[in-house]
């Protein structure tokens, strides 16, 4: 596969009080936060609008399971189906099934340390 990861799709982390954390980052660092955190917009090398998400989550979230880590990285990818197939053939642990939404497809893998990584084949135009 030519391109696997094309960029950082987001960073998600556990915190005791997501609203307090979002407010702190808004007040002190100027992040334009909403209920999900903050979306950063940028252009790729072809000039397409792209986004990266920053999201504090409740410390009891199950979304990162089976990882025990307090964070999860999301990577933007091309051809999620093909990439997951290739990764599985390479011996990478694939977690769950692909989920598809209006804003893209998602799949999950574990890195060597057991950190859950989210792979996202985005449809950024849905957010514009």
C-alpha atoms as a PDB file:
ATOM      1  CA  UNK A   1       0.000   0.000   0.000  1.00  0.00           C
ATOM      2  CA  UNK A   2       1.340   3.408  -0.997  1.00  0.00           C
ATOM      3  CA  UNK A   3      -0.065   5.641   1.740  1.00  0.00           C
ATOM      4  CA  UNK A   4      -1.020   4.289   5.118  1.00  0.00           C
ATOM      5  CA  UNK A   5      -1.209   7.139   7.611  1.00  0.00           C
ATOM      6  CA  UNK A   6      -1.761  10.539   6.016  1.00  0.00           C
ATOM      7  CA  UNK A   7      -1.945  12.661   9.163  1.00  0.00           C
ATOM      8  CA  UNK A   8      -2.997  12.945  12.767  1.00  0.00           C
ATOM      9  CA  UNK A   9      -6.757  12.686  13.074  1.00  0.00           C
ATOM     10  CA  UNK A  10      -6.914  13.426  16.772  1.00  0.00           C
ATOM     11  CA  UNK A  11      -5.841  12.823  20.302  1.00  0.00           C
ATOM     12  CA  UNK A  12      -8.274  11.594  22.919  1.00  0.00           C
ATOM     13  CA  UNK A  13      -7.428  11.398  26.609  1.00  0.00           C
ATOM     14  CA  UNK A  14      -9.078  10.581  29.912  1.00  0.00           C
ATOM     15  CA  UNK A  15      -9.629  13.241  32.553  1.00  0.00           C
ATOM     16  CA  UNK A  16     -11.627  13.460  35.779  1.00  0.00           C
ATOM     17  CA  UNK A  17     -13.614  16.480  34.551  1.00  0.00           C
ATOM     18  CA  UNK A  18     -13.745  16.934  30.751  1.00  0.00           C
ATOM     19  CA  UNK A  19     -15.770  20.165  30.965  1.00  0.00           C
ATOM     20  CA  UNK A  20     -13.303  21.730  33.403  1.00  0.00           C
ATOM     21  CA  UNK A  21     -10.420  20.649  31.179  1.00  0.00           C
ATOM     22  CA  UNK A  22     -12.057  22.099  28.050  1.00  0.00           C
ATOM     23  CA  UNK A  23     -12.747  25.372  29.875  1.00  0.00           C
ATOM     24  CA  UNK A  24      -9.136  25.593  31.091  1.00  0.00           C
ATOM     25  CA  UNK A  25      -7.779  25.078  27.567  1.00  0.00           C
ATOM     26  CA  UNK A  26     -10.275  27.597  26.180  1.00  0.00           C
ATOM     27  CA  UNK A  27      -9.465  30.249  28.788  1.00  0.00           C
ATOM     28  CA  UNK A  28      -5.705  29.802  28.919  1.00  0.00           C
ATOM     29  CA  UNK A  29      -4.716  28.547  25.469  1.00  0.00           C
ATOM     30  CA  UNK A  30      -7.556  29.923  23.357  1.00  0.00           C
ATOM     31  CA  UNK A  31      -8.889  26.610  22.063  1.00  0.00           C
ATOM     32  CA  UNK A  32     -12.310  27.015  20.461  1.00  0.00           C
ATOM     33  CA  UNK A  33     -13.914  24.202  22.454  1.00  0.00           C
ATOM     34  CA  UNK A  34     -17.322  22.608  22.102  1.00  0.00           C
ATOM     35  CA  UNK A  35     -18.975  19.506  23.578  1.00  0.00           C
ATOM     36  CA  UNK A  36     -16.406  17.244  21.865  1.00  0.00           C
ATOM     37  CA  UNK A  37     -13.275  19.275  22.550  1.00  0.00           C
ATOM     38  CA  UNK A  38     -11.665  21.302  19.767  1.00  0.00           C
ATOM     39  CA  UNK A  39     -11.371  20.754  16.022  1.00  0.00           C
ATOM     40  CA  UNK A  40      -8.295  22.113  14.276  1.00  0.00           C
ATOM     41  CA  UNK A  41      -8.696  22.819  10.559  1.00  0.00           C
ATOM     42  CA  UNK A  42      -5.836  22.718   8.083  1.00  0.00           C
ATOM     43  CA  UNK A  43      -5.160  22.068   4.395  1.00  0.00           C
ATOM     44  CA  UNK A  44      -3.341  19.061   3.012  1.00  0.00           C
ATOM     45  CA  UNK A  45      -0.721  19.387   0.261  1.00  0.00           C
ATOM     46  CA  UNK A  46      -3.452  19.286  -2.401  1.00  0.00           C
ATOM     47  CA  UNK A  47      -5.337  22.126  -0.674  1.00  0.00           C
ATOM     48  CA  UNK A  48      -8.157  19.966   0.722  1.00  0.00           C
ATOM     49  CA  UNK A  49      -9.734  20.975   4.030  1.00  0.00           C
ATOM     50  CA  UNK A  50      -8.764  18.520   6.791  1.00  0.00           C
ATOM     51  CA  UNK A  51      -9.402  18.328  10.510  1.00  0.00           C
ATOM     52  CA  UNK A  52      -7.687  17.079  13.646  1.00  0.00           C
ATOM     53  CA  UNK A  53      -9.720  16.548  16.829  1.00  0.00           C
ATOM     54  CA  UNK A  54      -8.593  17.177  20.432  1.00  0.00           C
ATOM     55  CA  UNK A  55     -10.962  15.558  22.930  1.00  0.00           C
ATOM     56  CA  UNK A  56     -10.844  15.161  26.710  1.00  0.00           C
ATOM     57  CA  UNK A  57     -13.042  12.232  27.748  1.00  0.00           C
ATOM     58  CA  UNK A  58     -14.422  10.931  31.030  1.00  0.00           C
ATOM     59  CA  UNK A  59     -11.861   8.922  32.962  1.00  0.00           C
ATOM     60  CA  UNK A  60     -14.252   5.955  33.049  1.00  0.00           C
ATOM     61  CA  UNK A  61     -14.728   5.790  29.270  1.00  0.00           C
ATOM     62  CA  UNK A  62     -14.633   2.291  27.811  1.00  0.00           C
ATOM     63  CA  UNK A  63     -13.810   3.656  24.344  1.00  0.00           C
ATOM     64  CA  UNK A  64     -10.077   2.938  24.700  1.00  0.00           C
ATOM     65  CA  UNK A  65     -10.570  -0.728  25.686  1.00  0.00           C
ATOM     66  CA  UNK A  66      -8.948  -3.199  25.540  1.00  0.00           C
ATOM     67  CA  UNK A  67      -6.075  -0.731  26.110  1.00  0.00           C
ATOM     68  CA  UNK A  68      -5.393   0.343  29.689  1.00  0.00           C
ATOM     69  CA  UNK A  69      -3.800   3.619  28.491  1.00  0.00           C
ATOM     70  CA  UNK A  70      -5.329   6.972  29.441  1.00  0.00           C
ATOM     71  CA  UNK A  71      -5.106   8.148  25.824  1.00  0.00           C
ATOM     72  CA  UNK A  72      -5.850   7.084  22.271  1.00  0.00           C
ATOM     73  CA  UNK A  73      -4.412   8.524  19.077  1.00  0.00           C
ATOM     74  CA  UNK A  74      -6.446   8.731  15.893  1.00  0.00           C
ATOM     75  CA  UNK A  75      -4.623   8.591  12.564  1.00  0.00           C
ATOM     76  CA  UNK A  76      -6.046   9.705   9.231  1.00  0.00           C
ATOM     77  CA  UNK A  77      -5.648   6.966   6.617  1.00  0.00           C
ATOM     78  CA  UNK A  78      -6.425   6.175   3.009  1.00  0.00           C
ATOM     79  CA  UNK A  79      -8.253   2.952   2.144  1.00  0.00           C
ATOM     80  CA  UNK A  80      -9.082   1.740   5.661  1.00  0.00           C
ATOM     81  CA  UNK A  81     -10.323  -1.652   4.464  1.00  0.00           C
ATOM     82  CA  UNK A  82      -7.122  -2.375   2.549  1.00  0.00           C
ATOM     83  CA  UNK A  83      -4.927  -1.066   5.351  1.00  0.00           C
ATOM     84  CA  UNK A  84      -6.603  -3.200   8.028  1.00  0.00           C
ATOM     85  CA  UNK A  85      -6.246  -6.248   5.779  1.00  0.00           C
ATOM     86  CA  UNK A  86      -2.538  -5.546   5.271  1.00  0.00           C
ATOM     87  CA  UNK A  87      -1.961  -4.894   8.972  1.00  0.00           C
ATOM     88  CA  UNK A  88      -3.707  -8.132   9.931  1.00  0.00           C
ATOM     89  CA  UNK A  89      -1.527 -10.037   7.452  1.00  0.00           C
ATOM     90  CA  UNK A  90       1.508  -8.405   9.116  1.00  0.00           C
ATOM     91  CA  UNK A  91       0.423  -9.763  12.496  1.00  0.00           C
ATOM     92  CA  UNK A  92      -1.007  -6.538  13.926  1.00  0.00           C
ATOM     93  CA  UNK A  93      -3.933  -7.018  16.325  1.00  0.00           C
ATOM     94  CA  UNK A  94      -7.141  -5.596  14.838  1.00  0.00           C
ATOM     95  CA  UNK A  95      -9.795  -4.684  17.412  1.00  0.00           C
ATOM     96  CA  UNK A  96     -13.512  -4.886  16.584  1.00  0.00           C
ATOM     97  CA  UNK A  97     -15.193  -4.280  13.255  1.00  0.00           C
ATOM     98  CA  UNK A  98     -15.092  -1.284  10.906  1.00  0.00           C
ATOM     99  CA  UNK A  99     -17.700   1.341  11.763  1.00  0.00           C
ATOM    100  CA  UNK A 100     -18.976   3.714   9.110  1.00  0.00           C
ATOM    101  CA  UNK A 101     -20.525   7.161   9.633  1.00  0.00           C
ATOM    102  CA  UNK A 102     -21.311  10.169   7.455  1.00  0.00           C
ATOM    103  CA  UNK A 103     -17.883  11.626   8.368  1.00  0.00           C
ATOM    104  CA  UNK A 104     -15.869   8.498   7.570  1.00  0.00           C
ATOM    105  CA  UNK A 105     -14.898   4.944   8.393  1.00  0.00           C
ATOM    106  CA  UNK A 106     -13.170   3.851  11.606  1.00  0.00           C
ATOM    107  CA  UNK A 107     -11.095   0.834  12.547  1.00  0.00           C
ATOM    108  CA  UNK A 108      -8.863   0.041  15.525  1.00  0.00           C
ATOM    109  CA  UNK A 109      -5.579  -1.723  16.152  1.00  0.00           C
ATOM    110  CA  UNK A 110      -3.201  -2.248  19.073  1.00  0.00           C
ATOM    111  CA  UNK A 111       0.425  -1.131  19.014  1.00  0.00           C
ATOM    112  CA  UNK A 112       3.199  -3.254  20.607  1.00  0.00           C
ATOM    113  CA  UNK A 113       2.550  -1.621  24.019  1.00  0.00           C
ATOM    114  CA  UNK A 114      -1.161  -2.435  23.901  1.00  0.00           C
ATOM    115  CA  UNK A 115      -2.230   1.137  23.114  1.00  0.00           C
ATOM    116  CA  UNK A 116      -5.422   1.277  21.097  1.00  0.00           C
ATOM    117  CA  UNK A 117      -5.019   3.309  17.900  1.00  0.00           C
ATOM    118  CA  UNK A 118      -7.991   4.553  15.926  1.00  0.00           C
ATOM    119  CA  UNK A 119      -7.672   4.615  12.139  1.00  0.00           C
ATOM    120  CA  UNK A 120      -9.992   7.026  10.346  1.00  0.00           C
ATOM    121  CA  UNK A 121     -10.712   7.270   6.626  1.00  0.00           C
ATOM    122  CA  UNK A 122     -12.237  10.756   6.820  1.00  0.00           C
ATOM    123  CA  UNK A 123     -14.907  12.584   4.903  1.00  0.00           C
ATOM    124  CA  UNK A 124     -13.984  16.113   6.060  1.00  0.00           C
ATOM    125  CA  UNK A 125     -16.475  17.920   3.816  1.00  0.00           C
ATOM    126  CA  UNK A 126     -19.312  16.754   6.093  1.00  0.00           C
ATOM    127  CA  UNK A 127     -18.037  19.195   8.761  1.00  0.00           C
ATOM    128  CA  UNK A 128     -17.788  22.236   6.483  1.00  0.00           C
END
